[in-house]
Amino acid sequence: MDERRTIRISEAVREELAEIIGFELDDPRLGDVDVTEVHVSPDGRHARVRVGIRGSERQQRESLEVLDHARHYLRHELGVRLSLRHVPEIHFEQDRHPDAASRVEFLIKRAKKSRGPAEK
């Protein structure tokens, strides 16, 4: 897969995971999680997903465990939403220093998606 396609797929996976995690995962242990970065491997079979998690060390650990437990569901949802030959296997890792710009970008996109077409 060429580099531009890998970048496009990585961004699409990041956007979809951010929406699913932010709005559809309903687990009380899941804290405030931002998908900050996704790197899909050149063969498209693996995705390294960096997440920024706010809260205490315990809350961060629990949130990462919830995400790891939900990765099969998340992969299934990606397969439903994205037209990919291979839906990547998801590997979560914590982003210890989430970029403030990523947070702002995420909040803007989430606000746009939550509004209806007439409000945009």
PDB file of N, CA and C in Angstrom:
ATOM      1  N   MET A   1       0.850  -1.165   0.000  1.00  0.00           N
ATOM      2  CA  MET A   1       0.000   0.000   0.000  1.00  0.00           C
ATOM      3  C   MET A   1       0.901   1.235   0.000  1.00  0.00           C
ATOM      4  N   ASP A   2       0.563   2.210  -0.829  1.00  0.00           N
ATOM      5  CA  ASP A   2       1.423   3.395  -0.869  1.00  0.00           C
ATOM      6  C   ASP A   2       1.202   4.271   0.370  1.00  0.00           C
ATOM      7  N   GLU A   3       2.142   5.156   0.589  1.00  0.00           N
ATOM      8  CA  GLU A   3       2.156   5.951   1.823  1.00  0.00           C
ATOM      9  C   GLU A   3       0.933   6.854   1.956  1.00  0.00           C
ATOM     10  N   ARG A   4       0.498   7.455   0.851  1.00  0.00           N
ATOM     11  CA  ARG A   4      -0.678   8.337   0.926  1.00  0.00           C
ATOM     12  C   ARG A   4      -1.927   7.560   1.334  1.00  0.00           C
ATOM     13  N   ARG A   5      -2.074   6.370   0.789  1.00  0.00           N
ATOM     14  CA  ARG A   5      -3.231   5.540   1.149  1.00  0.00           C
ATOM     15  C   ARG A   5      -3.160   5.143   2.628  1.00  0.00           C
ATOM     16  N   THR A   6      -1.986   4.786   3.090  1.00  0.00           N
ATOM     17  CA  THR A   6      -1.811   4.426   4.498  1.00  0.00           C
ATOM     18  C   THR A   6      -2.200   5.597   5.400  1.00  0.00           C
ATOM     19  N   ILE A   7      -1.803   6.795   5.022  1.00  0.00           N
ATOM     20  CA  ILE A   7      -2.140   7.990   5.808  1.00  0.00           C
ATOM     21  C   ILE A   7      -3.650   8.227   5.798  1.00  0.00           C
ATOM     22  N   ARG A   8      -4.286   8.089   4.631  1.00  0.00           N
ATOM     23  CA  ARG A   8      -5.740   8.278   4.541  1.00  0.00           C
ATOM     24  C   ARG A   8      -6.484   7.251   5.393  1.00  0.00           C
ATOM     25  N   ILE A   9      -6.041   6.003   5.325  1.00  0.00           N
ATOM     26  CA  ILE A   9      -6.689   4.956   6.117  1.00  0.00           C
ATOM     27  C   ILE A   9      -6.473   5.210   7.607  1.00  0.00           C
ATOM     28  N   SER A  10      -5.269   5.617   7.981  1.00  0.00           N
ATOM     29  CA  SER A  10      -4.982   5.918   9.391  1.00  0.00           C
ATOM     30  C   SER A  10      -5.908   7.009   9.908  1.00  0.00           C
ATOM     31  N   GLU A  11      -6.109   8.047   9.122  1.00  0.00           N
ATOM     32  CA  GLU A  11      -6.979   9.146   9.537  1.00  0.00           C
ATOM     33  C   GLU A  11      -8.435   8.693   9.618  1.00  0.00           C
ATOM     34  N   ALA A  12      -8.880   7.895   8.660  1.00  0.00           N
ATOM     35  CA  ALA A  12     -10.258   7.388   8.692  1.00  0.00           C
ATOM     36  C   ALA A  12     -10.478   6.506   9.920  1.00  0.00           C
ATOM     37  N   VAL A  13      -9.512   5.652  10.218  1.00  0.00           N
ATOM     38  CA  VAL A  13      -9.606   4.789  11.401  1.00  0.00           C
ATOM     39  C   VAL A  13      -9.629   5.643  12.664  1.00  0.00           C
ATOM     40  N   ARG A  14      -8.792   6.677  12.722  1.00  0.00           N
ATOM     41  CA  ARG A  14      -8.765   7.556  13.899  1.00  0.00           C
ATOM     42  C   ARG A  14     -10.125   8.231  14.107  1.00  0.00           C
ATOM     43  N   GLU A  15     -10.690   8.761  13.031  1.00  0.00           N
ATOM     44  CA  GLU A  15     -11.980   9.446  13.146  1.00  0.00           C
ATOM     45  C   GLU A  15     -13.083   8.498  13.601  1.00  0.00           C
ATOM     46  N   GLU A  16     -13.135   7.318  13.010  1.00  0.00           N
ATOM     47  CA  GLU A  16     -14.181   6.360  13.380  1.00  0.00           C
ATOM     48  C   GLU A  16     -14.007   5.871  14.817  1.00  0.00           C
ATOM     49  N   LEU A  17     -12.779   5.549  15.199  1.00  0.00           N
ATOM     50  CA  LEU A  17     -12.550   5.094  16.576  1.00  0.00           C
ATOM     51  C   LEU A  17     -12.896   6.190  17.581  1.00  0.00           C
ATOM     52  N   ALA A  18     -12.549   7.434  17.262  1.00  0.00           N
ATOM     53  CA  ALA A  18     -12.873   8.544  18.163  1.00  0.00           C
ATOM     54  C   ALA A  18     -14.384   8.648  18.356  1.00  0.00           C
ATOM     55  N   GLU A  19     -15.132   8.480  17.280  1.00  0.00           N
ATOM     56  CA  GLU A  19     -16.587   8.558  17.382  1.00  0.00           C
ATOM     57  C   GLU A  19     -17.153   7.371  18.163  1.00  0.00           C
ATOM     58  N   ILE A  20     -16.698   6.173  17.852  1.00  0.00           N
ATOM     59  CA  ILE A  20     -17.214   4.983  18.537  1.00  0.00           C
ATOM     60  C   ILE A  20     -16.882   5.035  20.027  1.00  0.00           C
ATOM     61  N   ILE A  21     -15.628   5.343  20.345  1.00  0.00           N
ATOM     62  CA  ILE A  21     -15.212   5.384  21.752  1.00  0.00           C
ATOM     63  C   ILE A  21     -15.915   6.522  22.487  1.00  0.00           C
ATOM     64  N   GLY A  22     -16.025   7.668  21.838  1.00  0.00           N
ATOM     65  CA  GLY A  22     -16.624   8.829  22.485  1.00  0.00           C
ATOM     66  C   GLY A  22     -18.123   8.747  22.682  1.00  0.00           C
ATOM     67  N   PHE A  23     -18.818   8.048  21.774  1.00  0.00           N
ATOM     68  CA  PHE A  23     -20.276   8.086  21.812  1.00  0.00           C
ATOM     69  C   PHE A  23     -20.958   6.734  21.981  1.00  0.00           C
ATOM     70  N   GLU A  24     -20.277   5.644  21.677  1.00  0.00           N
ATOM     71  CA  GLU A  24     -20.975   4.362  21.663  1.00  0.00           C
ATOM     72  C   GLU A  24     -20.519   3.372  22.725  1.00  0.00           C
ATOM     73  N   LEU A  25     -19.294   3.482  23.196  1.00  0.00           N
ATOM     74  CA  LEU A  25     -18.858   2.578  24.260  1.00  0.00           C
ATOM     75  C   LEU A  25     -19.464   3.060  25.571  1.00  0.00           C
ATOM     76  N   ASP A  26     -20.191   2.180  26.228  1.00  0.00           N
ATOM     77  CA  ASP A  26     -20.889   2.557  27.456  1.00  0.00           C
ATOM     78  C   ASP A  26     -20.374   1.698  28.604  1.00  0.00           C
ATOM     79  N   ASP A  27     -19.238   2.081  29.133  1.00  0.00           N
ATOM     80  CA  ASP A  27     -18.645   1.371  30.263  1.00  0.00           C
ATOM     81  C   ASP A  27     -18.281   2.416  31.307  1.00  0.00           C
ATOM     82  N   PRO A  28     -18.778   2.266  32.527  1.00  0.00           N
ATOM     83  CA  PRO A  28     -18.514   3.283  33.552  1.00  0.00           C
ATOM     84  C   PRO A  28     -17.030   3.438  33.894  1.00  0.00           C
ATOM     85  N   ARG A  29     -16.227   2.424  33.592  1.00  0.00           N
ATOM     86  CA  ARG A  29     -14.789   2.509  33.885  1.00  0.00           C
ATOM     87  C   ARG A  29     -14.041   3.324  32.839  1.00  0.00           C
ATOM     88  N   LEU A  30     -14.690   3.575  31.698  1.00  0.00           N
ATOM     89  CA  LEU A  30     -14.039   4.307  30.614  1.00  0.00           C
ATOM     90  C   LEU A  30     -14.056   5.795  30.930  1.00  0.00           C
ATOM     91  N   GLY A  31     -12.880   6.366  31.106  1.00  0.00           N
ATOM     92  CA  GLY A  31     -12.766   7.783  31.432  1.00  0.00           C
ATOM     93  C   GLY A  31     -12.801   8.651  30.190  1.00  0.00           C
ATOM     94  N   ASP A  32     -12.249   9.828  30.307  1.00  0.00           N
ATOM     95  CA  ASP A  32     -12.190  10.788  29.208  1.00  0.00           C
ATOM     96  C   ASP A  32     -11.035  10.391  28.290  1.00  0.00           C
ATOM     97  N   VAL A  33     -11.358   9.805  27.147  1.00  0.00           N
ATOM     98  CA  VAL A  33     -10.364   9.239  26.235  1.00  0.00           C
ATOM     99  C   VAL A  33     -10.404   9.978  24.908  1.00  0.00           C
ATOM    100  N   ASP A  34      -9.240  10.359  24.410  1.00  0.00           N
ATOM    101  CA  ASP A  34      -9.094  10.947  23.075  1.00  0.00           C
ATOM    102  C   ASP A  34      -8.210  10.043  22.243  1.00  0.00           C
ATOM    103  N   VAL A  35      -8.625   9.768  21.024  1.00  0.00           N
ATOM    104  CA  VAL A  35      -7.768   9.039  20.090  1.00  0.00           C
ATOM    105  C   VAL A  35      -6.877  10.097  19.452  1.00  0.00           C
ATOM    106  N   THR A  36      -5.606  10.107  19.828  1.00  0.00           N
ATOM    107  CA  THR A  36      -4.712  11.173  19.376  1.00  0.00           C
ATOM    108  C   THR A  36      -4.008  10.853  18.070  1.00  0.00           C
ATOM    109  N   GLU A  37      -3.768   9.568  17.818  1.00  0.00           N
ATOM    110  CA  GLU A  37      -2.979   9.223  16.635  1.00  0.00           C
ATOM    111  C   GLU A  37      -3.205   7.756  16.287  1.00  0.00           C
ATOM    112  N   VAL A  38      -3.236   7.460  14.995  1.00  0.00           N
ATOM    113  CA  VAL A  38      -3.334   6.076  14.527  1.00  0.00           C
ATOM    114  C   VAL A  38      -2.302   5.878  13.434  1.00  0.00           C
ATOM    115  N   HIS A  39      -1.558   4.791  13.535  1.00  0.00           N
ATOM    116  CA  HIS A  39      -0.604   4.403  12.492  1.00  0.00           C
ATOM    117  C   HIS A  39      -0.998   3.022  12.000  1.00  0.00           C
ATOM    118  N   VAL A  40      -1.435   2.948  10.745  1.00  0.00           N
ATOM    119  CA  VAL A  40      -1.763   1.663  10.138  1.00  0.00           C
ATOM    120  C   VAL A  40      -0.512   1.148   9.448  1.00  0.00           C
ATOM    121  N   SER A  41      -0.232  -0.142   9.620  1.00  0.00           N
ATOM    122  CA  SER A  41       0.959  -0.740   9.005  1.00  0.00           C
ATOM    123  C   SER A  41       0.821  -0.708   7.482  1.00  0.00           C
ATOM    124  N   PRO A  42       1.944  -0.742   6.761  1.00  0.00           N
ATOM    125  CA  PRO A  42       1.892  -0.682   5.292  1.00  0.00           C
ATOM    126  C   PRO A  42       1.042  -1.785   4.657  1.00  0.00           C
ATOM    127  N   ASP A  43       0.944  -2.950   5.296  1.00  0.00           N
ATOM    128  CA  ASP A  43       0.105  -4.013   4.735  1.00  0.00           C
ATOM    129  C   ASP A  43      -1.360  -3.885   5.167  1.00  0.00           C
ATOM    130  N   GLY A  44      -1.670  -2.921   6.030  1.00  0.00           N
ATOM    131  CA  GLY A  44      -3.041  -2.659   6.448  1.00  0.00           C
ATOM    132  C   GLY A  44      -3.606  -3.639   7.454  1.00  0.00           C
ATOM    133  N   ARG A  45      -2.779  -4.490   8.014  1.00  0.00           N
ATOM    134  CA  ARG A  45      -3.284  -5.529   8.919  1.00  0.00           C
ATOM    135  C   ARG A  45      -3.214  -5.151  10.396  1.00  0.00           C
ATOM    136  N   HIS A  46      -2.453  -4.127  10.740  1.00  0.00           N
ATOM    137  CA  HIS A  46      -2.316  -3.719  12.141  1.00  0.00           C
ATOM    138  C   HIS A  46      -2.438  -2.201  12.242  1.00  0.00           C
ATOM    139  N   ALA A  47      -3.046  -1.758  13.333  1.00  0.00           N
ATOM    140  CA  ALA A  47      -3.161  -0.325  13.606  1.00  0.00           C
ATOM    141  C   ALA A  47      -2.712  -0.074  15.036  1.00  0.00           C
ATOM    142  N   ARG A  48      -1.710   0.786  15.185  1.00  0.00           N
ATOM    143  CA  ARG A  48      -1.255   1.206  16.513  1.00  0.00           C
ATOM    144  C   ARG A  48      -2.024   2.481  16.851  1.00  0.00           C
ATOM    145  N   VAL A  49      -2.843   2.398  17.878  1.00  0.00           N
ATOM    146  CA  VAL A  49      -3.739   3.492  18.243  1.00  0.00           C
ATOM    147  C   VAL A  49      -3.247   4.117  19.541  1.00  0.00           C
ATOM    148  N   ARG A  50      -2.872   5.391  19.465  1.00  0.00           N
ATOM    149  CA  ARG A  50      -2.429   6.118  20.657  1.00  0.00           C
ATOM    150  C   ARG A  50      -3.626   6.878  21.211  1.00  0.00           C
ATOM    151  N   VAL A  51      -3.840   6.714  22.518  1.00  0.00           N
ATOM    152  CA  VAL A  51      -4.970   7.368  23.172  1.00  0.00           C
ATOM    153  C   VAL A  51      -4.480   8.209  24.343  1.00  0.00           C
ATOM    154  N   GLY A  52      -5.042   9.389  24.462  1.00  0.00           N
ATOM    155  CA  GLY A  52      -4.790  10.255  25.611  1.00  0.00           C
ATOM    156  C   GLY A  52      -5.914  10.040  26.612  1.00  0.00           C
ATOM    157  N   ILE A  53      -5.558   9.741  27.844  1.00  0.00           N
ATOM    158  CA  ILE A  53      -6.553   9.453  28.878  1.00  0.00           C
ATOM    159  C   ILE A  53      -6.300  10.380  30.059  1.00  0.00           C
ATOM    160  N   ARG A  54      -7.332  11.142  30.432  1.00  0.00           N
ATOM    161  CA  ARG A  54      -7.208  12.018  31.584  1.00  0.00           C
ATOM    162  C   ARG A  54      -7.762  11.315  32.821  1.00  0.00           C
ATOM    163  N   GLY A  55      -7.166  11.610  33.954  1.00  0.00           N
ATOM    164  CA  GLY A  55      -7.607  11.028  35.216  1.00  0.00           C
ATOM    165  C   GLY A  55      -6.420  10.499  35.997  1.00  0.00           C
ATOM    166  N   SER A  56      -6.728   9.850  37.105  1.00  0.00           N
ATOM    167  CA  SER A  56      -5.674   9.282  37.948  1.00  0.00           C
ATOM    168  C   SER A  56      -5.027   8.096  37.235  1.00  0.00           C
ATOM    169  N   GLU A  57      -3.907   7.638  37.778  1.00  0.00           N
ATOM    170  CA  GLU A  57      -3.227   6.468  37.197  1.00  0.00           C
ATOM    171  C   GLU A  57      -4.170   5.272  37.147  1.00  0.00           C
ATOM    172  N   ARG A  58      -4.953   5.101  38.189  1.00  0.00           N
ATOM    173  CA  ARG A  58      -5.907   3.980  38.239  1.00  0.00           C
ATOM    174  C   ARG A  58      -6.953   4.117  37.141  1.00  0.00           C
ATOM    175  N   GLN A  59      -7.515   5.318  36.973  1.00  0.00           N
ATOM    176  CA  GLN A  59      -8.508   5.552  35.930  1.00  0.00           C
ATOM    177  C   GLN A  59      -7.907   5.332  34.546  1.00  0.00           C
ATOM    178  N   GLN A  60      -6.666   5.771  34.363  1.00  0.00           N
ATOM    179  CA  GLN A  60      -6.005   5.580  33.076  1.00  0.00           C
ATOM    180  C   GLN A  60      -5.812   4.097  32.787  1.00  0.00           C
ATOM    181  N   ARG A  61      -5.373   3.361  33.780  1.00  0.00           N
ATOM    182  CA  ARG A  61      -5.152   1.919  33.617  1.00  0.00           C
ATOM    183  C   ARG A  61      -6.471   1.207  33.300  1.00  0.00           C
ATOM    184  N   GLU A  62      -7.539   1.553  34.037  1.00  0.00           N
ATOM    185  CA  GLU A  62      -8.843   0.934  33.806  1.00  0.00           C
ATOM    186  C   GLU A  62      -9.376   1.263  32.415  1.00  0.00           C
ATOM    187  N   SER A  63      -9.214   2.502  31.988  1.00  0.00           N
ATOM    188  CA  SER A  63      -9.675   2.896  30.655  1.00  0.00           C
ATOM    189  C   SER A  63      -8.939   2.122  29.571  1.00  0.00           C
ATOM    190  N   LEU A  64      -7.641   1.952  29.737  1.00  0.00           N
ATOM    191  CA  LEU A  64      -6.855   1.187  28.766  1.00  0.00           C
ATOM    192  C   LEU A  64      -7.303  -0.279  28.751  1.00  0.00           C
ATOM    193  N   GLU A  65      -7.629  -0.828  29.915  1.00  0.00           N
ATOM    194  CA  GLU A  65      -8.135  -2.204  29.984  1.00  0.00           C
ATOM    195  C   GLU A  65      -9.482  -2.329  29.278  1.00  0.00           C
ATOM    196  N   VAL A  66     -10.360  -1.342  29.453  1.00  0.00           N
ATOM    197  CA  VAL A  66     -11.660  -1.355  28.784  1.00  0.00           C
ATOM    198  C   VAL A  66     -11.462  -1.331  27.272  1.00  0.00           C
ATOM    199  N   LEU A  67     -10.576  -0.455  26.802  1.00  0.00           N
ATOM    200  CA  LEU A  67     -10.320  -0.366  25.366  1.00  0.00           C
ATOM    201  C   LEU A  67      -9.748  -1.671  24.826  1.00  0.00           C
ATOM    202  N   ASP A  68      -8.826  -2.254  25.562  1.00  0.00           N
ATOM    203  CA  ASP A  68      -8.237  -3.517  25.122  1.00  0.00           C
ATOM    204  C   ASP A  68      -9.301  -4.615  25.070  1.00  0.00           C
ATOM    205  N   HIS A  69     -10.184  -4.626  26.046  1.00  0.00           N
ATOM    206  CA  HIS A  69     -11.260  -5.615  26.072  1.00  0.00           C
ATOM    207  C   HIS A  69     -12.245  -5.400  24.914  1.00  0.00           C
ATOM    208  N   ALA A  70     -12.460  -4.147  24.514  1.00  0.00           N
ATOM    209  CA  ALA A  70     -13.428  -3.812  23.462  1.00  0.00           C
ATOM    210  C   ALA A  70     -12.819  -3.825  22.064  1.00  0.00           C
ATOM    211  N   ARG A  71     -11.553  -4.173  21.919  1.00  0.00           N
ATOM    212  CA  ARG A  71     -10.897  -4.039  20.615  1.00  0.00           C
ATOM    213  C   ARG A  71     -11.527  -4.904  19.528  1.00  0.00           C
ATOM    214  N   HIS A  72     -12.075  -6.069  19.885  1.00  0.00           N
ATOM    215  CA  HIS A  72     -12.730  -6.910  18.871  1.00  0.00           C
ATOM    216  C   HIS A  72     -14.029  -6.255  18.391  1.00  0.00           C
ATOM    217  N   TYR A  73     -14.792  -5.683  19.311  1.00  0.00           N
ATOM    218  CA  TYR A  73     -15.990  -4.932  18.940  1.00  0.00           C
ATOM    219  C   TYR A  73     -15.619  -3.729  18.071  1.00  0.00           C
ATOM    220  N   LEU A  74     -14.580  -3.009  18.470  1.00  0.00           N
ATOM    221  CA  LEU A  74     -14.149  -1.836  17.714  1.00  0.00           C
ATOM    222  C   LEU A  74     -13.707  -2.229  16.308  1.00  0.00           C
ATOM    223  N   ARG A  75     -12.996  -3.326  16.197  1.00  0.00           N
ATOM    224  CA  ARG A  75     -12.550  -3.798  14.881  1.00  0.00           C
ATOM    225  C   ARG A  75     -13.759  -4.170  14.018  1.00  0.00           C
ATOM    226  N   HIS A  76     -14.731  -4.832  14.618  1.00  0.00           N
ATOM    227  CA  HIS A  76     -15.951  -5.184  13.890  1.00  0.00           C
ATOM    228  C   HIS A  76     -16.650  -3.920  13.377  1.00  0.00           C
ATOM    229  N   GLU A  77     -16.786  -2.924  14.248  1.00  0.00           N
ATOM    230  CA  GLU A  77     -17.440  -1.675  13.854  1.00  0.00           C
ATOM    231  C   GLU A  77     -16.674  -0.969  12.732  1.00  0.00           C
ATOM    232  N   LEU A  78     -15.349  -1.009  12.794  1.00  0.00           N
ATOM    233  CA  LEU A  78     -14.561  -0.423  11.700  1.00  0.00           C
ATOM    234  C   LEU A  78     -14.869  -1.134  10.387  1.00  0.00           C
ATOM    235  N   GLY A  79     -15.000  -2.451  10.439  1.00  0.00           N
ATOM    236  CA  GLY A  79     -15.320  -3.221   9.240  1.00  0.00           C
ATOM    237  C   GLY A  79     -16.666  -2.851   8.658  1.00  0.00           C
ATOM    238  N   VAL A  80     -17.625  -2.545   9.519  1.00  0.00           N
ATOM    239  CA  VAL A  80     -18.955  -2.147   9.066  1.00  0.00           C
ATOM    240  C   VAL A  80     -18.914  -0.751   8.443  1.00  0.00           C
ATOM    241  N   ARG A  81     -18.141   0.149   9.028  1.00  0.00           N
ATOM    242  CA  ARG A  81     -18.147   1.557   8.622  1.00  0.00           C
ATOM    243  C   ARG A  81     -17.190   1.900   7.486  1.00  0.00           C
ATOM    244  N   LEU A  82     -16.099   1.165   7.381  1.00  0.00           N
ATOM    245  CA  LEU A  82     -15.081   1.479   6.374  1.00  0.00           C
ATOM    246  C   LEU A  82     -14.991   0.344   5.352  1.00  0.00           C
ATOM    247  N   SER A  83     -14.822   0.695   4.108  1.00  0.00           N
ATOM    248  CA  SER A  83     -14.666  -0.317   3.056  1.00  0.00           C
ATOM    249  C   SER A  83     -13.187  -0.618   2.894  1.00  0.00           C
ATOM    250  N   LEU A  84     -12.718  -1.595   3.650  1.00  0.00           N
ATOM    251  CA  LEU A  84     -11.305  -1.960   3.605  1.00  0.00           C
ATOM    252  C   LEU A  84     -11.174  -3.439   3.269  1.00  0.00           C
ATOM    253  N   ARG A  85     -10.161  -3.769   2.514  1.00  0.00           N
ATOM    254  CA  ARG A  85      -9.891  -5.171   2.208  1.00  0.00           C
ATOM    255  C   ARG A  85      -9.565  -5.930   3.491  1.00  0.00           C
ATOM    256  N   HIS A  86      -8.713  -5.338   4.311  1.00  0.00           N
ATOM    257  CA  HIS A  86      -8.344  -5.926   5.594  1.00  0.00           C
ATOM    258  C   HIS A  86      -8.631  -4.897   6.681  1.00  0.00           C
ATOM    259  N   VAL A  87      -9.447  -5.274   7.639  1.00  0.00           N
ATOM    260  CA  VAL A  87      -9.677  -4.395   8.788  1.00  0.00           C
ATOM    261  C   VAL A  87      -8.519  -4.637   9.745  1.00  0.00           C
ATOM    262  N   PRO A  88      -7.789  -3.588  10.095  1.00  0.00           N
ATOM    263  CA  PRO A  88      -6.586  -3.792  10.913  1.00  0.00           C
ATOM    264  C   PRO A  88      -6.880  -4.284  12.328  1.00  0.00           C
ATOM    265  N   GLU A  89      -5.979  -5.104  12.817  1.00  0.00           N
ATOM    266  CA  GLU A  89      -5.997  -5.531  14.217  1.00  0.00           C
ATOM    267  C   GLU A  89      -5.579  -4.312  15.043  1.00  0.00           C
ATOM    268  N   ILE A  90      -6.315  -4.022  16.106  1.00  0.00           N
ATOM    269  CA  ILE A  90      -6.091  -2.797  16.874  1.00  0.00           C
ATOM    270  C   ILE A  90      -5.194  -3.076  18.075  1.00  0.00           C
ATOM    271  N   HIS A  91      -4.183  -2.226  18.234  1.00  0.00           N
ATOM    272  CA  HIS A  91      -3.270  -2.301  19.379  1.00  0.00           C
ATOM    273  C   HIS A  91      -3.258  -0.926  20.043  1.00  0.00           C
ATOM    274  N   PHE A  92      -3.735  -0.847  21.274  1.00  0.00           N
ATOM    275  CA  PHE A  92      -3.797   0.431  21.983  1.00  0.00           C
ATOM    276  C   PHE A  92      -2.523   0.675  22.769  1.00  0.00           C
ATOM    277  N   GLU A  93      -2.119   1.939  22.796  1.00  0.00           N
ATOM    278  CA  GLU A  93      -1.033   2.368  23.675  1.00  0.00           C
ATOM    279  C   GLU A  93      -1.373   3.765  24.171  1.00  0.00           C
ATOM    280  N   GLN A  94      -0.975   4.040  25.381  1.00  0.00           N
ATOM    281  CA  GLN A  94      -1.305   5.322  25.989  1.00  0.00           C
ATOM    282  C   GLN A  94      -0.343   6.399  25.535  1.00  0.00           C
ATOM    283  N   ASP A  95      -0.917   7.532  25.170  1.00  0.00           N
ATOM    284  CA  ASP A  95      -0.143   8.713  24.812  1.00  0.00           C
ATOM    285  C   ASP A  95       0.018   9.520  26.098  1.00  0.00           C
ATOM    286  N   ARG A  96       1.197   9.499  26.659  1.00  0.00           N
ATOM    287  CA  ARG A  96       1.433  10.164  27.951  1.00  0.00           C
ATOM    288  C   ARG A  96       1.407  11.684  27.850  1.00  0.00           C
ATOM    289  N   HIS A  97       1.614  12.210  26.656  1.00  0.00           N
ATOM    290  CA  HIS A  97       1.635  13.665  26.467  1.00  0.00           C
ATOM    291  C   HIS A  97       0.764  14.035  25.275  1.00  0.00           C
ATOM    292  N   PRO A  98      -0.563  13.904  25.424  1.00  0.00           N
ATOM    293  CA  PRO A  98      -1.417  14.229  24.287  1.00  0.00           C
ATOM    294  C   PRO A  98      -1.264  15.694  23.890  1.00  0.00           C
ATOM    295  N   ASP A  99      -1.193  15.896  22.620  1.00  0.00           N
ATOM    296  CA  ASP A  99      -1.001  17.226  22.058  1.00  0.00           C
ATOM    297  C   ASP A  99      -2.276  18.059  22.241  1.00  0.00           C
ATOM    298  N   ALA A 100      -2.135  19.261  22.707  1.00  0.00           N
ATOM    299  CA  ALA A 100      -3.287  20.137  22.925  1.00  0.00           C
ATOM    300  C   ALA A 100      -4.020  20.415  21.618  1.00  0.00           C
ATOM    301  N   ALA A 101      -3.291  20.525  20.523  1.00  0.00           N
ATOM    302  CA  ALA A 101      -3.921  20.778  19.226  1.00  0.00           C
ATOM    303  C   ALA A 101      -4.814  19.608  18.824  1.00  0.00           C
ATOM    304  N   SER A 102      -4.387  18.396  19.115  1.00  0.00           N
ATOM    305  CA  SER A 102      -5.207  17.221  18.812  1.00  0.00           C
ATOM    306  C   SER A 102      -6.512  17.274  19.600  1.00  0.00           C
ATOM    307  N   ARG A 103      -6.436  17.704  20.832  1.00  0.00           N
ATOM    308  CA  ARG A 103      -7.626  17.801  21.680  1.00  0.00           C
ATOM    309  C   ARG A 103      -8.605  18.822  21.105  1.00  0.00           C
ATOM    310  N   VAL A 104      -8.113  19.970  20.698  1.00  0.00           N
ATOM    311  CA  VAL A 104      -8.971  21.008  20.130  1.00  0.00           C
ATOM    312  C   VAL A 104      -9.604  20.504  18.838  1.00  0.00           C
ATOM    313  N   GLU A 105      -8.798  19.886  17.986  1.00  0.00           N
ATOM    314  CA  GLU A 105      -9.305  19.350  16.723  1.00  0.00           C
ATOM    315  C   GLU A 105     -10.392  18.309  16.980  1.00  0.00           C
ATOM    316  N   PHE A 106     -10.164  17.430  17.943  1.00  0.00           N
ATOM    317  CA  PHE A 106     -11.141  16.402  18.287  1.00  0.00           C
ATOM    318  C   PHE A 106     -12.455  17.037  18.742  1.00  0.00           C
ATOM    319  N   LEU A 107     -12.383  18.040  19.605  1.00  0.00           N
ATOM    320  CA  LEU A 107     -13.591  18.672  20.122  1.00  0.00           C
ATOM    321  C   LEU A 107     -14.371  19.382  19.021  1.00  0.00           C
ATOM    322  N   ILE A 108     -13.673  20.011  18.096  1.00  0.00           N
ATOM    323  CA  ILE A 108     -14.340  20.683  16.981  1.00  0.00           C
ATOM    324  C   ILE A 108     -15.057  19.664  16.105  1.00  0.00           C
ATOM    325  N   LYS A 109     -14.368  18.577  15.770  1.00  0.00           N
ATOM    326  CA  LYS A 109     -14.993  17.547  14.933  1.00  0.00           C
ATOM    327  C   LYS A 109     -16.194  16.926  15.634  1.00  0.00           C
ATOM    328  N   ARG A 110     -16.072  16.669  16.932  1.00  0.00           N
ATOM    329  CA  ARG A 110     -17.174  16.069  17.682  1.00  0.00           C
ATOM    330  C   ARG A 110     -18.368  17.018  17.702  1.00  0.00           C
ATOM    331  N   ALA A 111     -18.121  18.311  17.875  1.00  0.00           N
ATOM    332  CA  ALA A 111     -19.212  19.283  17.891  1.00  0.00           C
ATOM    333  C   ALA A 111     -19.904  19.346  16.531  1.00  0.00           C
ATOM    334  N   LYS A 112     -19.124  19.298  15.453  1.00  0.00           N
ATOM    335  CA  LYS A 112     -19.711  19.329  14.109  1.00  0.00           C
ATOM    336  C   LYS A 112     -20.562  18.099  13.849  1.00  0.00           C
ATOM    337  N   LYS A 113     -20.087  16.934  14.291  1.00  0.00           N
ATOM    338  CA  LYS A 113     -20.825  15.691  14.054  1.00  0.00           C
ATOM    339  C   LYS A 113     -22.091  15.620  14.891  1.00  0.00           C
ATOM    340  N   SER A 114     -22.090  16.244  16.053  1.00  0.00           N
ATOM    341  CA  SER A 114     -23.253  16.157  16.930  1.00  0.00           C
ATOM    342  C   SER A 114     -24.385  17.079  16.474  1.00  0.00           C
ATOM    343  N   ARG A 115     -24.067  18.075  15.654  1.00  0.00           N
ATOM    344  CA  ARG A 115     -25.093  18.980  15.136  1.00  0.00           C
ATOM    345  C   ARG A 115     -25.705  18.384  13.879  1.00  0.00           C
ATOM    346  N   GLY A 116     -26.938  18.699  13.659  1.00  0.00           N
ATOM    347  CA  GLY A 116     -27.626  18.228  12.456  1.00  0.00           C
ATOM    348  C   GLY A 116     -27.191  19.021  11.241  1.00  0.00           C
ATOM    349  N   PRO A 117     -27.565  18.568  10.027  1.00  0.00           N
ATOM    350  CA  PRO A 117     -27.163  19.255   8.796  1.00  0.00           C
ATOM    351  C   PRO A 117     -27.686  20.687   8.709  1.00  0.00           C
ATOM    352  N   ALA A 118     -28.861  20.961   9.278  1.00  0.00           N
ATOM    353  CA  ALA A 118     -29.425  22.308   9.210  1.00  0.00           C
ATOM    354  C   ALA A 118     -28.663  23.300  10.073  1.00  0.00           C
ATOM    355  N   GLU A 119     -27.969  22.817  11.088  1.00  0.00           N
ATOM    356  CA  GLU A 119     -27.264  23.702  12.014  1.00  0.00           C
ATOM    357  C   GLU A 119     -25.872  24.079  11.546  1.00  0.00           C
ATOM    358  N   LYS A 120     -25.319  23.348  10.596  1.00  0.00           N
ATOM    359  CA  LYS A 120     -23.930  23.578  10.176  1.00  0.00           C
ATOM    360  C   LYS A 120     -23.752  24.838   9.412  1.00  0.00           C
TER     361      LYS A 120
END
